[in-house]
Amino acid sequence: MPETEIVTANHPYDLPQWITVPVTGGSPAYPAWAAEESRPRRRETPSAPGNRSSATAWTSPWR
């Protein structure tokens, strides 16, 4: 599924903004930083009383 269809199908707005711009230059370290900051993160959540297993939940990469 093309990205525009994914955004349109999952966005709450009837007409979400979607633009694409070419990257023609910049800091060499930026792509690594962007990849690290946008990966899904797992965090531990407290277990219910009496529950010995720990639950995990996904957190937004855009804290």
PDB file of N, CA and C in Angstrom:
ATOM      1  N   MET A   1       0.857  -1.181   0.000  1.00  0.00           N
ATOM      2  CA  MET A   1       0.000   0.000   0.000  1.00  0.00           C
ATOM      3  C   MET A   1       0.899   1.239   0.000  1.00  0.00           C
ATOM      4  N   PRO A   2       0.713   2.137  -0.930  1.00  0.00           N
ATOM      5  CA  PRO A   2       1.527   3.365  -0.946  1.00  0.00           C
ATOM      6  C   PRO A   2       1.307   4.193   0.317  1.00  0.00           C
ATOM      7  N   GLU A   3       2.328   4.957   0.680  1.00  0.00           N
ATOM      8  CA  GLU A   3       2.277   5.756   1.910  1.00  0.00           C
ATOM      9  C   GLU A   3       1.064   6.667   1.962  1.00  0.00           C
ATOM     10  N   THR A   4       0.701   7.292   0.837  1.00  0.00           N
ATOM     11  CA  THR A   4      -0.441   8.214   0.855  1.00  0.00           C
ATOM     12  C   THR A   4      -1.725   7.489   1.235  1.00  0.00           C
ATOM     13  N   GLU A   5      -1.890   6.250   0.787  1.00  0.00           N
ATOM     14  CA  GLU A   5      -3.080   5.479   1.140  1.00  0.00           C
ATOM     15  C   GLU A   5      -3.060   5.092   2.619  1.00  0.00           C
ATOM     16  N   ILE A   6      -1.893   4.769   3.152  1.00  0.00           N
ATOM     17  CA  ILE A   6      -1.772   4.422   4.574  1.00  0.00           C
ATOM     18  C   ILE A   6      -2.141   5.619   5.432  1.00  0.00           C
ATOM     19  N   VAL A   7      -1.598   6.793   5.099  1.00  0.00           N
ATOM     20  CA  VAL A   7      -1.891   8.002   5.871  1.00  0.00           C
ATOM     21  C   VAL A   7      -3.373   8.329   5.779  1.00  0.00           C
ATOM     22  N   THR A   8      -3.925   8.327   4.581  1.00  0.00           N
ATOM     23  CA  THR A   8      -5.334   8.670   4.395  1.00  0.00           C
ATOM     24  C   THR A   8      -6.249   7.698   5.131  1.00  0.00           C
ATOM     25  N   ALA A   9      -5.940   6.405   5.089  1.00  0.00           N
ATOM     26  CA  ALA A   9      -6.782   5.404   5.735  1.00  0.00           C
ATOM     27  C   ALA A   9      -6.722   5.467   7.258  1.00  0.00           C
ATOM     28  N   ASN A  10      -5.608   5.936   7.831  1.00  0.00           N
ATOM     29  CA  ASN A  10      -5.416   5.892   9.283  1.00  0.00           C
ATOM     30  C   ASN A  10      -5.465   7.234   9.975  1.00  0.00           C
ATOM     31  N   HIS A  11      -5.586   8.313   9.247  1.00  0.00           N
ATOM     32  CA  HIS A  11      -5.584   9.646   9.834  1.00  0.00           C
ATOM     33  C   HIS A  11      -7.011  10.075  10.160  1.00  0.00           C
ATOM     34  N   PRO A  12      -7.221  10.769  11.300  1.00  0.00           N
ATOM     35  CA  PRO A  12      -8.583  11.168  11.667  1.00  0.00           C
ATOM     36  C   PRO A  12      -9.162  12.281  10.785  1.00  0.00           C
ATOM     37  N   TYR A  13      -8.337  13.038  10.084  1.00  0.00           N
ATOM     38  CA  TYR A  13      -8.848  14.115   9.227  1.00  0.00           C
ATOM     39  C   TYR A  13      -9.367  13.540   7.916  1.00  0.00           C
ATOM     40  N   ASP A  14     -10.357  14.191   7.322  1.00  0.00           N
ATOM     41  CA  ASP A  14     -10.861  13.783   6.009  1.00  0.00           C
ATOM     42  C   ASP A  14      -9.813  13.993   4.923  1.00  0.00           C
ATOM     43  N   LEU A  15      -9.038  15.055   5.088  1.00  0.00           N
ATOM     44  CA  LEU A  15      -8.019  15.383   4.095  1.00  0.00           C
ATOM     45  C   LEU A  15      -6.706  15.733   4.805  1.00  0.00           C
ATOM     46  N   PRO A  16      -5.929  14.708   5.209  1.00  0.00           N
ATOM     47  CA  PRO A  16      -4.661  14.998   5.895  1.00  0.00           C
ATOM     48  C   PRO A  16      -3.646  15.587   4.919  1.00  0.00           C
ATOM     49  N   GLN A  17      -2.779  16.443   5.435  1.00  0.00           N
ATOM     50  CA  GLN A  17      -1.725  17.023   4.605  1.00  0.00           C
ATOM     51  C   GLN A  17      -0.661  15.968   4.367  1.00  0.00           C
ATOM     52  N   TRP A  18      -0.237  15.849   3.139  1.00  0.00           N
ATOM     53  CA  TRP A  18       0.818  14.903   2.783  1.00  0.00           C
ATOM     54  C   TRP A  18       1.705  15.581   1.762  1.00  0.00           C
ATOM     55  N   ILE A  19       2.949  15.830   2.117  1.00  0.00           N
ATOM     56  CA  ILE A  19       3.899  16.414   1.176  1.00  0.00           C
ATOM     57  C   ILE A  19       5.184  15.595   1.206  1.00  0.00           C
ATOM     58  N   THR A  20       5.893  15.626   0.124  1.00  0.00           N
ATOM     59  CA  THR A  20       7.174  14.944   0.041  1.00  0.00           C
ATOM     60  C   THR A  20       8.186  15.939  -0.509  1.00  0.00           C
ATOM     61  N   VAL A  21       9.316  16.024   0.158  1.00  0.00           N
ATOM     62  CA  VAL A  21      10.380  16.913  -0.315  1.00  0.00           C
ATOM     63  C   VAL A  21      11.668  16.107  -0.417  1.00  0.00           C
ATOM     64  N   PRO A  22      12.446  16.368  -1.440  1.00  0.00           N
ATOM     65  CA  PRO A  22      13.708  15.634  -1.565  1.00  0.00           C
ATOM     66  C   PRO A  22      14.749  16.142  -0.568  1.00  0.00           C
ATOM     67  N   VAL A  23      15.556  15.247  -0.070  1.00  0.00           N
ATOM     68  CA  VAL A  23      16.681  15.629   0.785  1.00  0.00           C
ATOM     69  C   VAL A  23      17.883  15.752  -0.140  1.00  0.00           C
ATOM     70  N   THR A  24      18.391  16.956  -0.247  1.00  0.00           N
ATOM     71  CA  THR A  24      19.508  17.194  -1.166  1.00  0.00           C
ATOM     72  C   THR A  24      20.816  17.489  -0.452  1.00  0.00           C
ATOM     73  N   GLY A  25      20.795  17.501   0.863  1.00  0.00           N
ATOM     74  CA  GLY A  25      22.013  17.747   1.626  1.00  0.00           C
ATOM     75  C   GLY A  25      21.694  17.818   3.098  1.00  0.00           C
ATOM     76  N   GLY A  26      22.742  17.947   3.904  1.00  0.00           N
ATOM     77  CA  GLY A  26      22.550  18.065   5.341  1.00  0.00           C
ATOM     78  C   GLY A  26      23.658  17.398   6.112  1.00  0.00           C
ATOM     79  N   SER A  27      23.468  17.328   7.407  1.00  0.00           N
ATOM     80  CA  SER A  27      24.444  16.733   8.306  1.00  0.00           C
ATOM     81  C   SER A  27      24.518  15.228   8.084  1.00  0.00           C
ATOM     82  N   PRO A  28      25.709  14.655   7.958  1.00  0.00           N
ATOM     83  CA  PRO A  28      25.830  13.205   7.799  1.00  0.00           C
ATOM     84  C   PRO A  28      25.300  12.422   9.009  1.00  0.00           C
ATOM     85  N   ALA A  29      25.320  13.007  10.202  1.00  0.00           N
ATOM     86  CA  ALA A  29      24.857  12.312  11.401  1.00  0.00           C
ATOM     87  C   ALA A  29      23.335  12.336  11.541  1.00  0.00           C
ATOM     88  N   TYR A  30      22.661  13.199  10.820  1.00  0.00           N
ATOM     89  CA  TYR A  30      21.220  13.350  10.984  1.00  0.00           C
ATOM     90  C   TYR A  30      20.427  12.088  10.659  1.00  0.00           C
ATOM     91  N   PRO A  31      20.673  11.377   9.567  1.00  0.00           N
ATOM     92  CA  PRO A  31      19.878  10.168   9.286  1.00  0.00           C
ATOM     93  C   PRO A  31      19.935   9.128  10.414  1.00  0.00           C
ATOM     94  N   ALA A  32      21.088   8.940  11.024  1.00  0.00           N
ATOM     95  CA  ALA A  32      21.194   7.987  12.139  1.00  0.00           C
ATOM     96  C   ALA A  32      20.375   8.469  13.336  1.00  0.00           C
ATOM     97  N   TRP A  33      20.442   9.760  13.635  1.00  0.00           N
ATOM     98  CA  TRP A  33      19.666  10.327  14.729  1.00  0.00           C
ATOM     99  C   TRP A  33      18.169  10.168  14.462  1.00  0.00           C
ATOM    100  N   ALA A  34      17.727  10.487  13.259  1.00  0.00           N
ATOM    101  CA  ALA A  34      16.305  10.394  12.919  1.00  0.00           C
ATOM    102  C   ALA A  34      15.812   8.952  13.034  1.00  0.00           C
ATOM    103  N   ALA A  35      16.600   7.994  12.576  1.00  0.00           N
ATOM    104  CA  ALA A  35      16.216   6.588  12.669  1.00  0.00           C
ATOM    105  C   ALA A  35      16.090   6.156  14.131  1.00  0.00           C
ATOM    106  N   GLU A  36      17.028   6.564  14.966  1.00  0.00           N
ATOM    107  CA  GLU A  36      16.993   6.200  16.386  1.00  0.00           C
ATOM    108  C   GLU A  36      15.787   6.838  17.089  1.00  0.00           C
ATOM    109  N   GLU A  37      15.509   8.077  16.787  1.00  0.00           N
ATOM    110  CA  GLU A  37      14.413   8.789  17.444  1.00  0.00           C
ATOM    111  C   GLU A  37      13.038   8.329  16.984  1.00  0.00           C
ATOM    112  N   SER A  38      12.941   7.713  15.830  1.00  0.00           N
ATOM    113  CA  SER A  38      11.627   7.342  15.310  1.00  0.00           C
ATOM    114  C   SER A  38      11.326   5.850  15.410  1.00  0.00           C
ATOM    115  N   ARG A  39      12.222   5.077  16.035  1.00  0.00           N
ATOM    116  CA  ARG A  39      11.940   3.647  16.189  1.00  0.00           C
ATOM    117  C   ARG A  39      10.956   3.436  17.335  1.00  0.00           C
ATOM    118  N   PRO A  40      10.116   2.390  17.236  1.00  0.00           N
ATOM    119  CA  PRO A  40       9.194   2.093  18.343  1.00  0.00           C
ATOM    120  C   PRO A  40       9.987   1.745  19.605  1.00  0.00           C
ATOM    121  N   ARG A  41       9.488   2.152  20.717  1.00  0.00           N
ATOM    122  CA  ARG A  41      10.149   1.896  21.992  1.00  0.00           C
ATOM    123  C   ARG A  41       9.240   1.061  22.874  1.00  0.00           C
ATOM    124  N   ARG A  42       9.840   0.197  23.687  1.00  0.00           N
ATOM    125  CA  ARG A  42       9.084  -0.587  24.657  1.00  0.00           C
ATOM    126  C   ARG A  42       9.381  -0.027  26.038  1.00  0.00           C
ATOM    127  N   ARG A  43       8.369  -0.011  26.866  1.00  0.00           N
ATOM    128  CA  ARG A  43       8.584   0.412  28.249  1.00  0.00           C
ATOM    129  C   ARG A  43       7.867  -0.561  29.154  1.00  0.00           C
ATOM    130  N   GLU A  44       8.394  -0.734  30.331  1.00  0.00           N
ATOM    131  CA  GLU A  44       7.758  -1.603  31.316  1.00  0.00           C
ATOM    132  C   GLU A  44       6.633  -0.828  31.988  1.00  0.00           C
ATOM    133  N   THR A  45       5.516  -1.507  32.200  1.00  0.00           N
ATOM    134  CA  THR A  45       4.405  -0.908  32.932  1.00  0.00           C
ATOM    135  C   THR A  45       4.191  -1.709  34.204  1.00  0.00           C
ATOM    136  N   PRO A  46       3.679  -1.071  35.230  1.00  0.00           N
ATOM    137  CA  PRO A  46       3.474  -1.795  36.490  1.00  0.00           C
ATOM    138  C   PRO A  46       2.490  -2.941  36.305  1.00  0.00           C
ATOM    139  N   SER A  47       2.745  -4.027  36.987  1.00  0.00           N
ATOM    140  CA  SER A  47       1.846  -5.175  36.950  1.00  0.00           C
ATOM    141  C   SER A  47       0.694  -4.945  37.920  1.00  0.00           C
ATOM    142  N   ALA A  48      -0.391  -5.624  37.656  1.00  0.00           N
ATOM    143  CA  ALA A  48      -1.529  -5.580  38.579  1.00  0.00           C
ATOM    144  C   ALA A  48      -1.121  -6.284  39.873  1.00  0.00           C
ATOM    145  N   PRO A  49      -1.704  -5.877  40.998  1.00  0.00           N
ATOM    146  CA  PRO A  49      -1.369  -6.540  42.267  1.00  0.00           C
ATOM    147  C   PRO A  49      -1.578  -8.050  42.153  1.00  0.00           C
ATOM    148  N   GLY A  50      -0.616  -8.813  42.599  1.00  0.00           N
ATOM    149  CA  GLY A  50      -0.703 -10.254  42.542  1.00  0.00           C
ATOM    150  C   GLY A  50      -0.264 -10.861  41.225  1.00  0.00           C
ATOM    151  N   ASN A  51      -0.025 -10.049  40.242  1.00  0.00           N
ATOM    152  CA  ASN A  51       0.417 -10.534  38.936  1.00  0.00           C
ATOM    153  C   ASN A  51       1.934 -10.509  38.914  1.00  0.00           C
ATOM    154  N   ARG A  52       2.545 -11.661  38.764  1.00  0.00           N
ATOM    155  CA  ARG A  52       4.010 -11.734  38.809  1.00  0.00           C
ATOM    156  C   ARG A  52       4.660 -11.409  37.477  1.00  0.00           C
ATOM    157  N   SER A  53       3.887 -11.421  36.416  1.00  0.00           N
ATOM    158  CA  SER A  53       4.490 -11.109  35.112  1.00  0.00           C
ATOM    159  C   SER A  53       4.479  -9.598  34.901  1.00  0.00           C
ATOM    160  N   SER A  54       5.474  -9.125  34.209  1.00  0.00           N
ATOM    161  CA  SER A  54       5.507  -7.692  33.922  1.00  0.00           C
ATOM    162  C   SER A  54       4.884  -7.460  32.557  1.00  0.00           C
ATOM    163  N   ALA A  55       4.096  -6.440  32.449  1.00  0.00           N
ATOM    164  CA  ALA A  55       3.450  -6.086  31.184  1.00  0.00           C
ATOM    165  C   ALA A  55       4.334  -5.097  30.444  1.00  0.00           C
ATOM    166  N   THR A  56       4.294  -5.168  29.139  1.00  0.00           N
ATOM    167  CA  THR A  56       5.021  -4.185  28.354  1.00  0.00           C
ATOM    168  C   THR A  56       4.038  -3.432  27.476  1.00  0.00           C
ATOM    169  N   ALA A  57       4.365  -2.219  27.137  1.00  0.00           N
ATOM    170  CA  ALA A  57       3.518  -1.409  26.287  1.00  0.00           C
ATOM    171  C   ALA A  57       4.392  -0.629  25.322  1.00  0.00           C
ATOM    172  N   TRP A  58       3.851  -0.358  24.166  1.00  0.00           N
ATOM    173  CA  TRP A  58       4.588   0.447  23.185  1.00  0.00           C
ATOM    174  C   TRP A  58       4.376   1.917  23.521  1.00  0.00           C
ATOM    175  N   THR A  59       5.410   2.687  23.347  1.00  0.00           N
ATOM    176  CA  THR A  59       5.293   4.128  23.548  1.00  0.00           C
ATOM    177  C   THR A  59       5.553   4.811  22.224  1.00  0.00           C
ATOM    178  N   SER A  60       5.075   5.998  22.108  1.00  0.00           N
ATOM    179  CA  SER A  60       5.277   6.766  20.883  1.00  0.00           C
ATOM    180  C   SER A  60       6.735   7.110  20.708  1.00  0.00           C
ATOM    181  N   PRO A  61       7.254   7.025  19.498  1.00  0.00           N
ATOM    182  CA  PRO A  61       8.618   7.455  19.291  1.00  0.00           C
ATOM    183  C   PRO A  61       8.766   8.967  19.399  1.00  0.00           C
ATOM    184  N   TRP A  62       7.648   9.690  19.373  1.00  0.00           N
ATOM    185  CA  TRP A  62       7.684  11.143  19.491  1.00  0.00           C
ATOM    186  C   TRP A  62       7.240  11.544  20.875  1.00  0.00           C
ATOM    187  N   ARG A  63       8.009  11.143  21.866  1.00  0.00           N
ATOM    188  CA  ARG A  63       7.707  11.330  23.283  1.00  0.00           C
ATOM    189  C   ARG A  63       7.027  12.592  23.558  1.00  0.00           C
TER     190      ARG A  63
END
